[in-house]
Each structure stands twice: as structure tokens, then as C-alpha cells.
C-alpha atoms as a PDB file:
ATOM      1  CA  MET A   1      21.207 -15.373  -2.302  1.00  0.00           C
ATOM      2  CA  GLN A   2      24.382 -13.667  -0.695  1.00  0.00           C
ATOM      3  CA  HIS A   3      26.773 -12.100  -3.092  1.00  0.00           C
ATOM      4  CA  GLU A   4      29.648 -13.884  -1.375  1.00  0.00           C
ATOM      5  CA  ARG A   5      27.963 -17.270  -1.424  1.00  0.00           C
ATOM      6  CA  LEU A   6      26.643 -17.558  -5.213  1.00  0.00           C
ATOM      7  CA  ALA A   7      30.191 -18.656  -6.632  1.00  0.00           C
ATOM      8  CA  ASP A   8      30.287 -21.467  -4.312  1.00  0.00           C
ATOM      9  CA  ILE A   9      26.746 -22.672  -4.621  1.00  0.00           C
ATOM     10  CA  LEU A  10      27.003 -22.501  -8.568  1.00  0.00           C
ATOM     11  CA  GLN A  11      30.454 -24.776  -8.113  1.00  0.00           C
ATOM     12  CA  ASN A  12      28.115 -27.180  -6.415  1.00  0.00           C
ATOM     13  CA  ILE A  13      25.992 -27.108  -9.175  1.00  0.00           C
ATOM     14  CA  VAL A  14      28.716 -27.437 -11.451  1.00  0.00           C
ATOM     15  CA  GLN A  15      30.127 -30.579  -9.729  1.00  0.00           C
ATOM     16  CA  ALA A  16      26.414 -32.144  -9.942  1.00  0.00           C
ATOM     17  CA  LEU A  17      25.949 -31.518 -13.755  1.00  0.00           C
ATOM     18  CA  GLU A  18      26.950 -33.923 -16.244  1.00  0.00           C
ATOM     19  CA  LYS A  19      29.300 -32.677 -18.967  1.00  0.00           C
ATOM     20  CA  HIS A  20      27.929 -30.406 -21.014  1.00  0.00           C
ATOM     21  CA  GLY A  21      24.726 -30.277 -18.475  1.00  0.00           C
ATOM     22  CA  ILE A  22      22.005 -27.399 -19.132  1.00  0.00           C
ATOM     23  CA  PHE A  23      20.728 -25.453 -16.017  1.00  0.00           C
ATOM     24  CA  TYR A  24      18.244 -22.424 -15.119  1.00  0.00           C
ATOM     25  CA  ALA A  25      19.177 -19.359 -12.972  1.00  0.00           C
ATOM     26  CA  SER A  26      16.919 -16.627 -12.184  1.00  0.00           C
ATOM     27  CA  LEU A  27      17.932 -13.573 -10.023  1.00  0.00           C
ATOM     28  CA  LYS A  28      16.552 -10.071  -9.113  1.00  0.00           C
ATOM     29  CA  GLN A  29      18.193  -7.366 -11.147  1.00  0.00           C
ATOM     30  CA  GLY A  30      19.244  -4.313  -9.052  1.00  0.00           C
ATOM     31  CA  GLU A  31      22.046  -3.097  -6.687  1.00  0.00           C
ATOM     32  CA  GLU A  32      22.874  -4.248  -3.031  1.00  0.00           C
ATOM     33  CA  THR A  33      20.647  -5.684  -0.390  1.00  0.00           C
ATOM     34  CA  LYS A  34      17.134  -4.645   0.568  1.00  0.00           C
ATOM     35  CA  THR A  35      14.788  -5.848   3.417  1.00  0.00           C
ATOM     36  CA  ASP A  36      11.402  -6.116   3.208  1.00  0.00           C
ATOM     37  CA  ASP A  37       8.327  -5.237   5.724  1.00  0.00           C
ATOM     38  CA  LEU A  38       8.681  -8.971   7.162  1.00  0.00           C
ATOM     39  CA  GLY A  39      12.290  -8.388   7.707  1.00  0.00           C
ATOM     40  CA  ARG A  40      13.446 -10.977   4.638  1.00  0.00           C
ATOM     41  CA  PRO A  41      16.716  -9.812   2.774  1.00  0.00           C
ATOM     42  CA  PHE A  42      16.612  -9.600  -1.183  1.00  0.00           C
ATOM     43  CA  TYR A  43      19.808  -9.768  -2.887  1.00  0.00           C
ATOM     44  CA  TYR A  44      19.997  -7.984  -6.231  1.00  0.00           C
ATOM     45  CA  TRP A  45      22.393  -8.461  -8.937  1.00  0.00           C
ATOM     46  CA  LYS A  46      23.655  -6.807 -11.950  1.00  0.00           C
ATOM     47  CA  ASP A  47      23.860  -8.812 -15.352  1.00  0.00           C
ATOM     48  CA  GLU A  48      27.349  -7.989 -16.189  1.00  0.00           C
ATOM     49  CA  GLU A  49      28.485  -9.351 -12.505  1.00  0.00           C
ATOM     50  CA  LEU A  50      26.352 -12.377 -12.938  1.00  0.00           C
ATOM     51  CA  ARG A  51      28.028 -13.332 -16.557  1.00  0.00           C
ATOM     52  CA  GLU A  52      31.567 -12.786 -14.838  1.00  0.00           C
ATOM     53  CA  ILE A  53      30.594 -15.274 -12.349  1.00  0.00           C
ATOM     54  CA  PHE A  54      29.291 -17.620 -15.019  1.00  0.00           C
ATOM     55  CA  GLU A  55      32.252 -17.365 -16.994  1.00  0.00           C
ATOM     56  CA  SER A  56      34.676 -17.821 -14.198  1.00  0.00           C
ATOM     57  CA  LEU A  57      32.956 -21.350 -13.861  1.00  0.00           C
ATOM     58  CA  ASN A  58      33.165 -22.214 -17.418  1.00  0.00           C
ATOM     59  CA  PHE A  59      29.413 -21.981 -17.998  1.00  0.00           C
ATOM     60  CA  LYS A  60      28.127 -20.734 -21.237  1.00  0.00           C
ATOM     61  CA  VAL A  61      25.131 -18.446 -21.457  1.00  0.00           C
ATOM     62  CA  LEU A  62      22.919 -20.275 -24.026  1.00  0.00           C
ATOM     63  CA  ASP A  63      19.863 -17.817 -23.625  1.00  0.00           C
ATOM     64  CA  SER A  64      19.057 -14.938 -21.403  1.00  0.00           C
ATOM     65  CA  TYR A  65      15.940 -12.601 -20.500  1.00  0.00           C
ATOM     66  CA  GLN A  66      14.468 -10.330 -18.424  1.00  0.00           C
ATOM     67  CA  ASN A  67      10.883 -10.385 -16.903  1.00  0.00           C
ATOM     68  CA  GLU A  68       8.782  -8.099 -14.839  1.00  0.00           C
ATOM     69  CA  SER A  69       7.815  -9.887 -11.450  1.00  0.00           C
ATOM     70  CA  ILE A  70       4.138 -10.834 -11.484  1.00  0.00           C
ATOM     71  CA  ALA A  71       4.252  -9.925  -7.679  1.00  0.00           C
ATOM     72  CA  ASN A  72       5.493  -6.242  -7.907  1.00  0.00           C
ATOM     73  CA  SER A  73       6.144  -4.654 -11.189  1.00  0.00           C
ATOM     74  CA  ASP A  74       9.026  -2.627  -9.732  1.00  0.00           C
ATOM     75  CA  ASP A  75      11.089  -6.058  -9.766  1.00  0.00           C
ATOM     76  CA  VAL A  76      12.997  -7.505 -12.905  1.00  0.00           C
ATOM     77  CA  TRP A  77      14.159 -11.036 -12.921  1.00  0.00           C
ATOM     78  CA  LEU A  78      17.231 -11.886 -14.533  1.00  0.00           C
ATOM     79  CA  SER A  79      16.880 -15.128 -16.315  1.00  0.00           C
ATOM     80  CA  TYR A  80      19.840 -17.408 -17.774  1.00  0.00           C
ATOM     81  CA  ILE A  81      19.945 -20.729 -19.449  1.00  0.00           C
ATOM     82  CA  LEU A  82      23.306 -22.021 -18.674  1.00  0.00           C
ATOM     83  CA  ARG A  83      25.480 -25.092 -20.277  1.00  0.00           C
ATOM     84  CA  LYS A  84      28.480 -26.458 -18.514  1.00  0.00           C
ATOM     85  CA  PHE A  85      31.689 -26.807 -20.366  1.00  0.00           C
ATOM     86  CA  GLY A  86      35.063 -28.500 -19.680  1.00  0.00           C
ATOM     87  CA  ASN A  87      35.538 -31.596 -17.448  1.00  0.00           C
ATOM     88  CA  PHE A  88      34.909 -30.168 -13.852  1.00  0.00           C
END
């Protein structure tokens, strides 16, 4: 997911969730963007920047963890269980 689109996409999720609704998000850890051999773009994220976005949208991180990718041991997934707060 492109960096400049994430907040808008999460805002749509905020609107779809009921008050105190919970959802799961998982994104690849790293920096910048890379393209694989098939020409597919991959967007990488830092934990700090994701947490800032979550907080700005009134999400509370209930749990988070990192997993090594099954497909490629060089890839790490940042995973979050988030709860919506407020009347948004």
C-alpha cells in the first residue's frame, strides 16, 4: 500500500467500524519501495510511522508483533491488532 494512501484507507476503515471496533493490520517492515522481478511494487514501513498514523486516527494498539515471512526470510511483517476509540 502506498504511503500517501494509508491514512485515507484507514479512515475508511474507521468509518466502517462500530464504536470500539477491532481490526488487524499487517505491513512489511523496512524503508522505501522496492519492485520485484515481476514488476510488482512493495511498500515498506517503520513501526514508528505506523503507530503515529494509527494514533492520529484514534486507534489504540492492543497488540503488535513481528513475523518472518514464510515466502522470504529476508522479509518481516509488522502486525497490529487495533481498537477504534472515540465517536468517529
